[in-house]
């Protein structure tokens, strides 16, 4: 059985209103990473990523870069013990 990791990520900067959630959603789907992504009330974007370590790492790297109109100032990444196993990757509103 493949080892699965779960990471909570918070991305700060100009990350709302620039297609950030859809950009990450597309990469997560390509890498078969499950979880979710959402905007937060403080202007950040938060994501829960679950999958094989290399795949989660690829999505984390995309979070550090962002889409062309974004500006990523800071990324916080925390490994977490999941209380759920996600079946898909959802953009939350």
N, C-alpha and C. Protein backbone atom coordinates (compact mmCIF):
# COMPACT_ATOMS: atom_id res chain seq x y z
N UNK A 1 0.84 -1.18 0.00
CA UNK A 1 0.00 0.00 0.00
C UNK A 1 0.88 1.25 0.00
N UNK A 2 0.50 2.24 -0.80
CA UNK A 2 1.27 3.47 -0.89
C UNK A 2 1.08 4.31 0.36
N UNK A 3 2.15 4.96 0.76
CA UNK A 3 2.10 5.87 1.90
C UNK A 3 1.36 7.14 1.49
N UNK A 4 0.40 7.57 2.31
CA UNK A 4 -0.39 8.77 2.04
C UNK A 4 -0.09 9.80 3.11
N UNK A 5 0.09 11.05 2.68
CA UNK A 5 0.31 12.15 3.62
C UNK A 5 -0.82 13.17 3.47
N UNK A 6 -1.03 13.95 4.52
CA UNK A 6 -2.02 15.02 4.50
C UNK A 6 -1.35 16.28 5.03
N UNK A 7 -1.44 17.36 4.24
CA UNK A 7 -0.84 18.64 4.64
C UNK A 7 -1.89 19.74 4.56
N UNK A 8 -1.85 20.62 5.55
CA UNK A 8 -2.65 21.84 5.53
C UNK A 8 -1.73 22.97 5.09
N UNK A 9 -2.16 23.72 4.09
CA UNK A 9 -1.33 24.80 3.53
C UNK A 9 -2.10 26.11 3.63
N UNK A 10 -1.41 27.18 4.01
CA UNK A 10 -1.97 28.54 3.97
C UNK A 10 -1.04 29.39 3.12
N UNK A 11 -1.61 30.03 2.11
CA UNK A 11 -0.84 30.84 1.17
C UNK A 11 -1.26 32.30 1.35
N UNK A 12 -0.26 33.16 1.57
CA UNK A 12 -0.50 34.59 1.81
C UNK A 12 0.06 35.40 0.65
N UNK A 13 -0.57 36.52 0.37
CA UNK A 13 -0.14 37.41 -0.71
C UNK A 13 -1.34 37.84 -1.52
N UNK A 14 -1.13 38.12 -2.79
CA UNK A 14 -2.26 38.42 -3.68
C UNK A 14 -2.71 37.09 -4.28
N UNK A 15 -3.58 36.41 -3.56
CA UNK A 15 -3.97 35.05 -3.92
C UNK A 15 -5.48 34.88 -4.07
N UNK A 16 -6.25 35.94 -3.84
CA UNK A 16 -7.69 35.89 -4.05
C UNK A 16 -8.05 36.75 -5.25
N UNK A 17 -8.99 36.28 -6.06
CA UNK A 17 -9.42 37.03 -7.22
C UNK A 17 -8.47 36.95 -8.41
N UNK A 18 -7.54 36.00 -8.38
CA UNK A 18 -6.55 35.86 -9.46
C UNK A 18 -6.53 34.44 -10.04
N UNK A 19 -7.55 33.63 -9.75
CA UNK A 19 -7.61 32.27 -10.27
C UNK A 19 -6.78 31.26 -9.51
N UNK A 20 -6.38 31.60 -8.29
CA UNK A 20 -5.48 30.73 -7.52
C UNK A 20 -6.13 29.38 -7.21
N UNK A 21 -7.38 29.40 -6.73
CA UNK A 21 -8.03 28.14 -6.36
C UNK A 21 -8.17 27.21 -7.56
N UNK A 22 -8.59 27.74 -8.70
CA UNK A 22 -8.76 26.91 -9.89
C UNK A 22 -7.41 26.39 -10.39
N UNK A 23 -6.38 27.23 -10.32
CA UNK A 23 -5.02 26.84 -10.71
C UNK A 23 -4.57 25.62 -9.89
N UNK A 24 -4.75 25.69 -8.57
CA UNK A 24 -4.34 24.58 -7.70
C UNK A 24 -5.25 23.37 -7.91
N UNK A 25 -6.53 23.60 -8.09
CA UNK A 25 -7.46 22.50 -8.36
C UNK A 25 -7.00 21.69 -9.57
N UNK A 26 -6.64 22.38 -10.65
CA UNK A 26 -6.22 21.68 -11.87
C UNK A 26 -4.97 20.84 -11.63
N UNK A 27 -4.01 21.38 -10.90
CA UNK A 27 -2.77 20.64 -10.62
C UNK A 27 -3.05 19.46 -9.70
N UNK A 28 -3.89 19.66 -8.69
CA UNK A 28 -4.24 18.57 -7.79
C UNK A 28 -4.91 17.43 -8.56
N UNK A 29 -5.80 17.77 -9.48
CA UNK A 29 -6.47 16.74 -10.26
C UNK A 29 -5.46 15.97 -11.14
N UNK A 30 -4.51 16.70 -11.73
CA UNK A 30 -3.48 16.04 -12.56
C UNK A 30 -2.64 15.09 -11.73
N UNK A 31 -2.34 15.47 -10.49
CA UNK A 31 -1.47 14.67 -9.62
C UNK A 31 -2.24 13.66 -8.77
N UNK A 32 -3.56 13.63 -8.93
CA UNK A 32 -4.43 12.72 -8.15
C UNK A 32 -4.31 12.99 -6.65
N UNK A 33 -4.23 14.25 -6.30
CA UNK A 33 -4.24 14.68 -4.90
C UNK A 33 -5.68 15.03 -4.55
N UNK A 34 -6.13 14.60 -3.38
CA UNK A 34 -7.49 14.88 -2.93
C UNK A 34 -7.45 15.93 -1.81
N UNK A 35 -8.61 16.44 -1.45
CA UNK A 35 -8.72 17.42 -0.38
C UNK A 35 -9.60 18.58 -0.80
N UNK A 36 -9.20 19.79 -0.46
CA UNK A 36 -9.99 20.97 -0.78
C UNK A 36 -9.13 22.22 -0.76
N UNK A 37 -9.69 23.32 -1.30
CA UNK A 37 -9.04 24.63 -1.27
C UNK A 37 -10.13 25.68 -1.10
N UNK A 38 -9.83 26.74 -0.33
CA UNK A 38 -10.81 27.80 -0.09
C UNK A 38 -10.11 29.12 0.20
N UNK A 39 -10.83 30.20 -0.03
CA UNK A 39 -10.38 31.52 0.41
C UNK A 39 -10.67 31.64 1.90
N UNK A 40 -9.86 32.43 2.61
CA UNK A 40 -10.12 32.71 4.02
C UNK A 40 -10.48 34.18 4.18
N UNK A 41 -11.09 34.50 5.31
CA UNK A 41 -11.56 35.87 5.54
C UNK A 41 -10.42 36.87 5.69
N UNK A 42 -9.20 36.39 5.96
CA UNK A 42 -8.06 37.31 6.12
C UNK A 42 -7.29 37.53 4.82
N UNK A 43 -7.84 37.06 3.68
CA UNK A 43 -7.21 37.29 2.38
C UNK A 43 -6.27 36.20 1.92
N UNK A 44 -6.09 35.17 2.71
CA UNK A 44 -5.23 34.04 2.34
C UNK A 44 -6.04 32.99 1.59
N UNK A 45 -5.35 31.97 1.14
CA UNK A 45 -5.98 30.77 0.59
C UNK A 45 -5.49 29.61 1.44
N UNK A 46 -6.40 28.71 1.77
CA UNK A 46 -6.08 27.56 2.60
C UNK A 46 -6.43 26.30 1.83
N UNK A 47 -5.58 25.28 1.93
CA UNK A 47 -5.83 24.02 1.22
C UNK A 47 -5.46 22.84 2.09
N UNK A 48 -6.24 21.78 1.96
CA UNK A 48 -5.93 20.49 2.58
C UNK A 48 -5.56 19.56 1.43
N UNK A 49 -4.35 19.05 1.46
CA UNK A 49 -3.84 18.20 0.39
C UNK A 49 -3.59 16.80 0.93
N UNK A 50 -4.07 15.78 0.23
CA UNK A 50 -3.89 14.41 0.67
C UNK A 50 -3.51 13.55 -0.54
N UNK A 51 -2.44 12.79 -0.38
CA UNK A 51 -2.00 11.92 -1.46
C UNK A 51 -0.62 11.38 -1.21
N UNK A 52 -0.02 10.83 -2.26
CA UNK A 52 1.34 10.32 -2.15
C UNK A 52 2.30 11.49 -1.93
N UNK A 53 3.35 11.30 -1.16
CA UNK A 53 4.25 12.41 -0.82
C UNK A 53 4.74 13.22 -2.03
N UNK A 54 5.15 12.56 -3.10
CA UNK A 54 5.66 13.29 -4.27
C UNK A 54 4.57 14.12 -4.92
N UNK A 55 3.35 13.60 -4.96
CA UNK A 55 2.24 14.32 -5.57
C UNK A 55 1.83 15.52 -4.73
N UNK A 56 1.74 15.33 -3.43
CA UNK A 56 1.44 16.45 -2.53
C UNK A 56 2.54 17.50 -2.65
N UNK A 57 3.79 17.05 -2.75
CA UNK A 57 4.91 17.98 -2.92
C UNK A 57 4.80 18.80 -4.19
N UNK A 58 4.31 18.20 -5.27
CA UNK A 58 4.12 18.93 -6.52
C UNK A 58 3.06 20.02 -6.38
N UNK A 59 1.97 19.71 -5.67
CA UNK A 59 0.92 20.71 -5.47
C UNK A 59 1.42 21.81 -4.53
N UNK A 60 2.18 21.44 -3.51
CA UNK A 60 2.78 22.44 -2.63
C UNK A 60 3.69 23.38 -3.41
N UNK A 61 4.48 22.84 -4.31
CA UNK A 61 5.37 23.67 -5.13
C UNK A 61 4.56 24.63 -5.99
N UNK A 62 3.43 24.17 -6.52
CA UNK A 62 2.56 25.04 -7.30
C UNK A 62 1.97 26.15 -6.43
N UNK A 63 1.67 25.84 -5.17
CA UNK A 63 1.17 26.85 -4.24
C UNK A 63 2.22 27.94 -3.99
N UNK A 64 3.47 27.57 -3.99
CA UNK A 64 4.55 28.53 -3.76
C UNK A 64 4.77 29.44 -4.98
N UNK A 65 4.37 28.97 -6.15
CA UNK A 65 4.52 29.74 -7.38
C UNK A 65 3.25 30.53 -7.69
N UNK A 66 2.11 29.85 -7.72
CA UNK A 66 0.84 30.48 -8.04
C UNK A 66 0.66 30.74 -9.51
N UNK A 67 -0.55 31.13 -9.91
CA UNK A 67 -0.81 31.47 -11.31
C UNK A 67 -0.21 32.83 -11.66
N UNK A 68 -0.17 33.18 -12.94
CA UNK A 68 0.53 34.40 -13.37
C UNK A 68 0.11 35.70 -12.68
N UNK A 69 -1.17 35.89 -12.38
CA UNK A 69 -1.61 37.16 -11.78
C UNK A 69 -1.44 37.22 -10.27
N UNK A 70 -1.02 36.11 -9.67
CA UNK A 70 -0.88 36.08 -8.20
C UNK A 70 0.50 36.59 -7.77
N UNK A 71 0.61 36.84 -6.48
CA UNK A 71 1.90 37.15 -5.85
C UNK A 71 1.91 36.39 -4.53
N UNK A 72 2.75 35.40 -4.41
CA UNK A 72 2.84 34.60 -3.19
C UNK A 72 3.93 35.20 -2.30
N UNK A 73 3.52 35.67 -1.13
CA UNK A 73 4.46 36.26 -0.17
C UNK A 73 4.96 35.25 0.86
N UNK A 74 4.08 34.33 1.25
CA UNK A 74 4.43 33.40 2.33
C UNK A 74 3.55 32.16 2.20
N UNK A 75 4.14 31.00 2.47
CA UNK A 75 3.39 29.74 2.48
C UNK A 75 3.69 29.02 3.79
N UNK A 76 2.65 28.69 4.51
CA UNK A 76 2.76 27.88 5.73
C UNK A 76 2.27 26.48 5.38
N UNK A 77 3.03 25.48 5.77
CA UNK A 77 2.67 24.09 5.46
C UNK A 77 2.81 23.25 6.72
N UNK A 78 1.74 22.54 7.06
CA UNK A 78 1.73 21.73 8.27
C UNK A 78 1.27 20.32 7.95
N UNK A 79 2.05 19.30 8.30
CA UNK A 79 1.52 17.94 8.19
C UNK A 79 0.44 17.76 9.26
N UNK A 80 -0.63 17.08 8.92
CA UNK A 80 -1.72 16.85 9.86
C UNK A 80 -2.11 15.38 9.84
N UNK A 81 -2.68 14.94 10.94
CA UNK A 81 -3.27 13.61 11.00
C UNK A 81 -4.71 13.75 10.52
N UNK A 82 -5.03 13.15 9.40
CA UNK A 82 -6.37 13.35 8.86
C UNK A 82 -7.44 12.64 9.68
N UNK A 83 -8.59 13.29 9.80
CA UNK A 83 -9.72 12.63 10.43
C UNK A 83 -10.66 12.09 9.35
N UNK A 84 -10.27 12.32 8.10
CA UNK A 84 -11.09 11.88 6.97
C UNK A 84 -10.16 11.57 5.79
N UNK A 85 -10.57 10.65 4.96
CA UNK A 85 -9.86 10.38 3.72
C UNK A 85 -10.70 10.96 2.59
N UNK A 86 -10.15 11.92 1.89
CA UNK A 86 -10.88 12.64 0.86
C UNK A 86 -10.94 11.80 -0.41
N UNK A 87 -12.07 11.88 -1.09
CA UNK A 87 -12.29 11.13 -2.32
C UNK A 87 -12.07 11.97 -3.56
N UNK A 88 -12.09 13.31 -3.41
CA UNK A 88 -11.95 14.21 -4.55
C UNK A 88 -11.23 15.46 -4.09
N UNK A 89 -11.01 16.39 -5.00
CA UNK A 89 -10.43 17.69 -4.65
C UNK A 89 -11.47 18.75 -4.98
N UNK A 90 -11.92 19.47 -3.95
CA UNK A 90 -13.02 20.41 -4.10
C UNK A 90 -12.57 21.85 -3.90
N UNK A 91 -13.14 22.74 -4.69
CA UNK A 91 -13.00 24.17 -4.47
C UNK A 91 -14.17 24.57 -3.59
N UNK A 92 -13.84 25.04 -2.39
CA UNK A 92 -14.89 25.45 -1.44
C UNK A 92 -15.12 26.95 -1.52
N UNK A 93 -16.35 27.33 -1.28
CA UNK A 93 -16.71 28.76 -1.34
C UNK A 93 -17.16 29.24 0.01
